[in-house]
Amino acid sequence: MADDTSKTALDRNVISLEEPHEVRSWTESFGRSEAELRDAVAAVGNSAEAVRQFLAKRR
């Protein structure tokens, strides 16, 4: 069964960079580019809260 792209994530606490629709959802949610999102996940892991805090410090 294919992914339902109307859903943004199974777990909104974890960022998955494997699914394009999830990357799009997170970049829109944070108001950042895909590159910035990927850099943040690389720096602090895939916890949405950790990424949110990391990005807030970089504004």
PDB file of N, CA and C in Angstrom:
ATOM      1  N   MET A   1       0.839  -1.177   0.000  1.00  0.00           N
ATOM      2  CA  MET A   1       0.000   0.000   0.000  1.00  0.00           C
ATOM      3  C   MET A   1       0.888   1.246   0.000  1.00  0.00           C
ATOM      4  N   ALA A   2       0.586   2.173  -0.850  1.00  0.00           N
ATOM      5  CA  ALA A   2       1.387   3.393  -0.973  1.00  0.00           C
ATOM      6  C   ALA A   2       1.138   4.332   0.201  1.00  0.00           C
ATOM      7  N   ASP A   3       2.131   5.184   0.443  1.00  0.00           N
ATOM      8  CA  ASP A   3       1.978   6.213   1.477  1.00  0.00           C
ATOM      9  C   ASP A   3       0.812   7.124   1.145  1.00  0.00           C
ATOM     10  N   ASP A   4       0.089   7.531   2.166  1.00  0.00           N
ATOM     11  CA  ASP A   4      -0.969   8.510   2.011  1.00  0.00           C
ATOM     12  C   ASP A   4      -0.333   9.886   2.145  1.00  0.00           C
ATOM     13  N   THR A   5      -0.165  10.588   1.042  1.00  0.00           N
ATOM     14  CA  THR A   5       0.531  11.872   1.072  1.00  0.00           C
ATOM     15  C   THR A   5      -0.302  12.987   1.684  1.00  0.00           C
ATOM     16  N   SER A   6      -1.555  12.709   2.012  1.00  0.00           N
ATOM     17  CA  SER A   6      -2.336  13.721   2.708  1.00  0.00           C
ATOM     18  C   SER A   6      -1.954  13.776   4.177  1.00  0.00           C
ATOM     19  N   LYS A   7      -1.285  12.750   4.650  1.00  0.00           N
ATOM     20  CA  LYS A   7      -0.786  12.734   6.019  1.00  0.00           C
ATOM     21  C   LYS A   7       0.659  13.206   5.997  1.00  0.00           C
ATOM     22  N   THR A   8       1.031  14.031   6.977  1.00  0.00           N
ATOM     23  CA  THR A   8       2.377  14.584   6.956  1.00  0.00           C
ATOM     24  C   THR A   8       3.379  13.709   7.686  1.00  0.00           C
ATOM     25  N   ALA A   9       2.938  12.980   8.689  1.00  0.00           N
ATOM     26  CA  ALA A   9       3.861  12.124   9.436  1.00  0.00           C
ATOM     27  C   ALA A   9       3.068  11.226  10.360  1.00  0.00           C
ATOM     28  N   LEU A  10       3.615  10.062  10.642  1.00  0.00           N
ATOM     29  CA  LEU A  10       2.979   9.191  11.614  1.00  0.00           C
ATOM     30  C   LEU A  10       3.230   9.690  13.022  1.00  0.00           C
ATOM     31  N   ASP A  11       4.367  10.275  13.230  1.00  0.00           N
ATOM     32  CA  ASP A  11       4.752  10.759  14.551  1.00  0.00           C
ATOM     33  C   ASP A  11       5.276  12.171  14.399  1.00  0.00           C
ATOM     34  N   ARG A  12       4.538  13.148  14.874  1.00  0.00           N
ATOM     35  CA  ARG A  12       4.934  14.542  14.712  1.00  0.00           C
ATOM     36  C   ARG A  12       6.072  14.934  15.649  1.00  0.00           C
ATOM     37  N   ASN A  13       6.571  13.995  16.439  1.00  0.00           N
ATOM     38  CA  ASN A  13       7.695  14.274  17.324  1.00  0.00           C
ATOM     39  C   ASN A  13       9.028  13.901  16.695  1.00  0.00           C
ATOM     40  N   VAL A  14       8.961  13.210  15.558  1.00  0.00           N
ATOM     41  CA  VAL A  14      10.175  12.712  14.901  1.00  0.00           C
ATOM     42  C   VAL A  14      10.176  13.182  13.444  1.00  0.00           C
ATOM     43  N   ILE A  15      11.295  13.691  13.014  1.00  0.00           N
ATOM     44  CA  ILE A  15      11.434  14.172  11.639  1.00  0.00           C
ATOM     45  C   ILE A  15      12.043  13.073  10.788  1.00  0.00           C
ATOM     46  N   SER A  16      11.329  12.723   9.731  1.00  0.00           N
ATOM     47  CA  SER A  16      11.836  11.745   8.772  1.00  0.00           C
ATOM     48  C   SER A  16      12.224  12.479   7.498  1.00  0.00           C
ATOM     49  N   LEU A  17      13.449  12.292   7.073  1.00  0.00           N
ATOM     50  CA  LEU A  17      13.912  12.911   5.835  1.00  0.00           C
ATOM     51  C   LEU A  17      13.830  11.950   4.656  1.00  0.00           C
ATOM     52  N   GLU A  18      13.233  10.797   4.871  1.00  0.00           N
ATOM     53  CA  GLU A  18      13.156   9.776   3.828  1.00  0.00           C
ATOM     54  C   GLU A  18      11.984   9.968   2.869  1.00  0.00           C
ATOM     55  N   GLU A  19      10.912  10.609   3.333  1.00  0.00           N
ATOM     56  CA  GLU A  19       9.716  10.785   2.505  1.00  0.00           C
ATOM     57  C   GLU A  19       9.599  12.239   2.057  1.00  0.00           C
ATOM     58  N   PRO A  20       9.539  12.478   0.751  1.00  0.00           N
ATOM     59  CA  PRO A  20       9.471  13.856   0.252  1.00  0.00           C
ATOM     60  C   PRO A  20       8.320  14.675   0.845  1.00  0.00           C
ATOM     61  N   HIS A  21       7.159  14.046   1.034  1.00  0.00           N
ATOM     62  CA  HIS A  21       6.033  14.806   1.583  1.00  0.00           C
ATOM     63  C   HIS A  21       6.274  15.196   3.040  1.00  0.00           C
ATOM     64  N   GLU A  22       7.038  14.403   3.765  1.00  0.00           N
ATOM     65  CA  GLU A  22       7.366  14.764   5.144  1.00  0.00           C
ATOM     66  C   GLU A  22       8.395  15.896   5.176  1.00  0.00           C
ATOM     67  N   VAL A  23       9.379  15.848   4.297  1.00  0.00           N
ATOM     68  CA  VAL A  23      10.369  16.931   4.212  1.00  0.00           C
ATOM     69  C   VAL A  23       9.640  18.231   3.889  1.00  0.00           C
ATOM     70  N   ARG A  24       8.735  18.181   2.927  1.00  0.00           N
ATOM     71  CA  ARG A  24       7.965  19.367   2.544  1.00  0.00           C
ATOM     72  C   ARG A  24       7.155  19.890   3.735  1.00  0.00           C
ATOM     73  N   SER A  25       6.527  18.990   4.464  1.00  0.00           N
ATOM     74  CA  SER A  25       5.724  19.390   5.622  1.00  0.00           C
ATOM     75  C   SER A  25       6.578  20.067   6.692  1.00  0.00           C
ATOM     76  N   TRP A  26       7.741  19.487   6.993  1.00  0.00           N
ATOM     77  CA  TRP A  26       8.608  20.056   8.028  1.00  0.00           C
ATOM     78  C   TRP A  26       9.202  21.385   7.591  1.00  0.00           C
ATOM     79  N   THR A  27       9.596  21.520   6.332  1.00  0.00           N
ATOM     80  CA  THR A  27      10.153  22.795   5.888  1.00  0.00           C
ATOM     81  C   THR A  27       9.099  23.889   5.962  1.00  0.00           C
ATOM     82  N   GLU A  28       7.863  23.556   5.621  1.00  0.00           N
ATOM     83  CA  GLU A  28       6.770  24.530   5.730  1.00  0.00           C
ATOM     84  C   GLU A  28       6.498  24.858   7.193  1.00  0.00           C
ATOM     85  N   SER A  29       6.509  23.854   8.032  1.00  0.00           N
ATOM     86  CA  SER A  29       6.235  24.048   9.455  1.00  0.00           C
ATOM     87  C   SER A  29       7.270  24.960  10.112  1.00  0.00           C
ATOM     88  N   PHE A  30       8.539  24.770   9.773  1.00  0.00           N
ATOM     89  CA  PHE A  30       9.608  25.557  10.376  1.00  0.00           C
ATOM     90  C   PHE A  30       9.904  26.842   9.602  1.00  0.00           C
ATOM     91  N   GLY A  31       9.381  26.959   8.391  1.00  0.00           N
ATOM     92  CA  GLY A  31       9.677  28.132   7.574  1.00  0.00           C
ATOM     93  C   GLY A  31      11.127  28.190   7.156  1.00  0.00           C
ATOM     94  N   ARG A  32      11.699  27.025   6.888  1.00  0.00           N
ATOM     95  CA  ARG A  32      13.113  26.924   6.512  1.00  0.00           C
ATOM     96  C   ARG A  32      13.241  26.113   5.232  1.00  0.00           C
ATOM     97  N   SER A  33      14.415  26.186   4.625  1.00  0.00           N
ATOM     98  CA  SER A  33      14.684  25.425   3.406  1.00  0.00           C
ATOM     99  C   SER A  33      14.974  23.963   3.753  1.00  0.00           C
ATOM    100  N   GLU A  34      14.954  23.135   2.732  1.00  0.00           N
ATOM    101  CA  GLU A  34      15.287  21.722   2.929  1.00  0.00           C
ATOM    102  C   GLU A  34      16.725  21.570   3.416  1.00  0.00           C
ATOM    103  N   ALA A  35      17.633  22.370   2.865  1.00  0.00           N
ATOM    104  CA  ALA A  35      19.037  22.295   3.286  1.00  0.00           C
ATOM    105  C   ALA A  35      19.181  22.646   4.759  1.00  0.00           C
ATOM    106  N   GLU A  36      18.466  23.686   5.211  1.00  0.00           N
ATOM    107  CA  GLU A  36      18.520  24.066   6.622  1.00  0.00           C
ATOM    108  C   GLU A  36      17.953  22.966   7.507  1.00  0.00           C
ATOM    109  N   LEU A  37      16.859  22.349   7.060  1.00  0.00           N
ATOM    110  CA  LEU A  37      16.262  21.250   7.821  1.00  0.00           C
ATOM    111  C   LEU A  37      17.237  20.083   7.918  1.00  0.00           C
ATOM    112  N   ARG A  38      17.840  19.717   6.810  1.00  0.00           N
ATOM    113  CA  ARG A  38      18.793  18.596   6.814  1.00  0.00           C
ATOM    114  C   ARG A  38      20.010  18.899   7.692  1.00  0.00           C
ATOM    115  N   ASP A  39      20.502  20.123   7.638  1.00  0.00           N
ATOM    116  CA  ASP A  39      21.629  20.522   8.494  1.00  0.00           C
ATOM    117  C   ASP A  39      21.252  20.420   9.968  1.00  0.00           C
ATOM    118  N   ALA A  40      20.051  20.863  10.310  1.00  0.00           N
ATOM    119  CA  ALA A  40      19.599  20.821  11.702  1.00  0.00           C
ATOM    120  C   ALA A  40      19.470  19.379  12.191  1.00  0.00           C
ATOM    121  N   VAL A  41      18.894  18.520  11.373  1.00  0.00           N
ATOM    122  CA  VAL A  41      18.758  17.108  11.756  1.00  0.00           C
ATOM    123  C   VAL A  41      20.137  16.472  11.910  1.00  0.00           C
ATOM    124  N   ALA A  42      21.054  16.811  11.033  1.00  0.00           N
ATOM    125  CA  ALA A  42      22.417  16.281  11.139  1.00  0.00           C
ATOM    126  C   ALA A  42      23.080  16.748  12.431  1.00  0.00           C
ATOM    127  N   ALA A  43      22.776  17.966  12.859  1.00  0.00           N
ATOM    128  CA  ALA A  43      23.417  18.539  14.043  1.00  0.00           C
ATOM    129  C   ALA A  43      22.831  18.012  15.351  1.00  0.00           C
ATOM    130  N   VAL A  44      21.497  17.863  15.407  1.00  0.00           N
ATOM    131  CA  VAL A  44      20.871  17.542  16.700  1.00  0.00           C
ATOM    132  C   VAL A  44      20.027  16.273  16.707  1.00  0.00           C
ATOM    133  N   GLY A  45      19.914  15.607  15.565  1.00  0.00           N
ATOM    134  CA  GLY A  45      19.105  14.391  15.517  1.00  0.00           C
ATOM    135  C   GLY A  45      17.710  14.672  14.993  1.00  0.00           C
ATOM    136  N   ASN A  46      16.851  13.665  14.994  1.00  0.00           N
ATOM    137  CA  ASN A  46      15.551  13.797  14.339  1.00  0.00           C
ATOM    138  C   ASN A  46      14.396  14.157  15.274  1.00  0.00           C
ATOM    139  N   SER A  47      14.684  14.576  16.481  1.00  0.00           N
ATOM    140  CA  SER A  47      13.640  15.051  17.384  1.00  0.00           C
ATOM    141  C   SER A  47      13.131  16.405  16.896  1.00  0.00           C
ATOM    142  N   ALA A  48      11.830  16.505  16.679  1.00  0.00           N
ATOM    143  CA  ALA A  48      11.252  17.755  16.193  1.00  0.00           C
ATOM    144  C   ALA A  48      11.518  18.902  17.161  1.00  0.00           C
ATOM    145  N   GLU A  49      11.435  18.648  18.449  1.00  0.00           N
ATOM    146  CA  GLU A  49      11.669  19.704  19.435  1.00  0.00           C
ATOM    147  C   GLU A  49      13.134  20.156  19.417  1.00  0.00           C
ATOM    148  N   ALA A  50      14.055  19.220  19.315  1.00  0.00           N
ATOM    149  CA  ALA A  50      15.475  19.581  19.260  1.00  0.00           C
ATOM    150  C   ALA A  50      15.772  20.403  18.009  1.00  0.00           C
ATOM    151  N   VAL A  51      15.189  20.022  16.883  1.00  0.00           N
ATOM    152  CA  VAL A  51      15.389  20.764  15.640  1.00  0.00           C
ATOM    153  C   VAL A  51      14.769  22.150  15.763  1.00  0.00           C
ATOM    154  N   ARG A  52      13.578  22.239  16.342  1.00  0.00           N
ATOM    155  CA  ARG A  52      12.915  23.531  16.543  1.00  0.00           C
ATOM    156  C   ARG A  52      13.799  24.475  17.354  1.00  0.00           C
ATOM    157  N   GLN A  53      14.358  23.966  18.437  1.00  0.00           N
ATOM    158  CA  GLN A  53      15.231  24.781  19.294  1.00  0.00           C
ATOM    159  C   GLN A  53      16.507  25.185  18.547  1.00  0.00           C
ATOM    160  N   PHE A  54      17.097  24.261  17.845  1.00  0.00           N
ATOM    161  CA  PHE A  54      18.306  24.543  17.065  1.00  0.00           C
ATOM    162  C   PHE A  54      18.055  25.642  16.049  1.00  0.00           C
ATOM    163  N   LEU A  55      16.956  25.529  15.309  1.00  0.00           N
ATOM    164  CA  LEU A  55      16.654  26.520  14.291  1.00  0.00           C
ATOM    165  C   LEU A  55      16.323  27.876  14.911  1.00  0.00           C
ATOM    166  N   ALA A  56      15.691  27.879  16.045  1.00  0.00           N
ATOM    167  CA  ALA A  56      15.353  29.144  16.725  1.00  0.00           C
ATOM    168  C   ALA A  56      16.619  29.908  17.112  1.00  0.00           C
ATOM    169  N   LYS A  57      17.652  29.187  17.496  1.00  0.00           N
ATOM    170  CA  LYS A  57      18.913  29.818  17.883  1.00  0.00           C
ATOM    171  C   LYS A  57      19.660  30.366  16.676  1.00  0.00           C
ATOM    172  N   ARG A  58      19.357  29.871  15.505  1.00  0.00           N
ATOM    173  CA  ARG A  58      20.083  30.270  14.284  1.00  0.00           C
ATOM    174  C   ARG A  58      19.399  31.400  13.545  1.00  0.00           C
ATOM    175  N   ARG A  59      18.335  31.926  14.043  1.00  0.00           N
ATOM    176  CA  ARG A  59      17.626  33.046  13.373  1.00  0.00           C
ATOM    177  C   ARG A  59      18.337  34.326  13.576  1.00  0.00           C
TER     178      ARG A  59
END
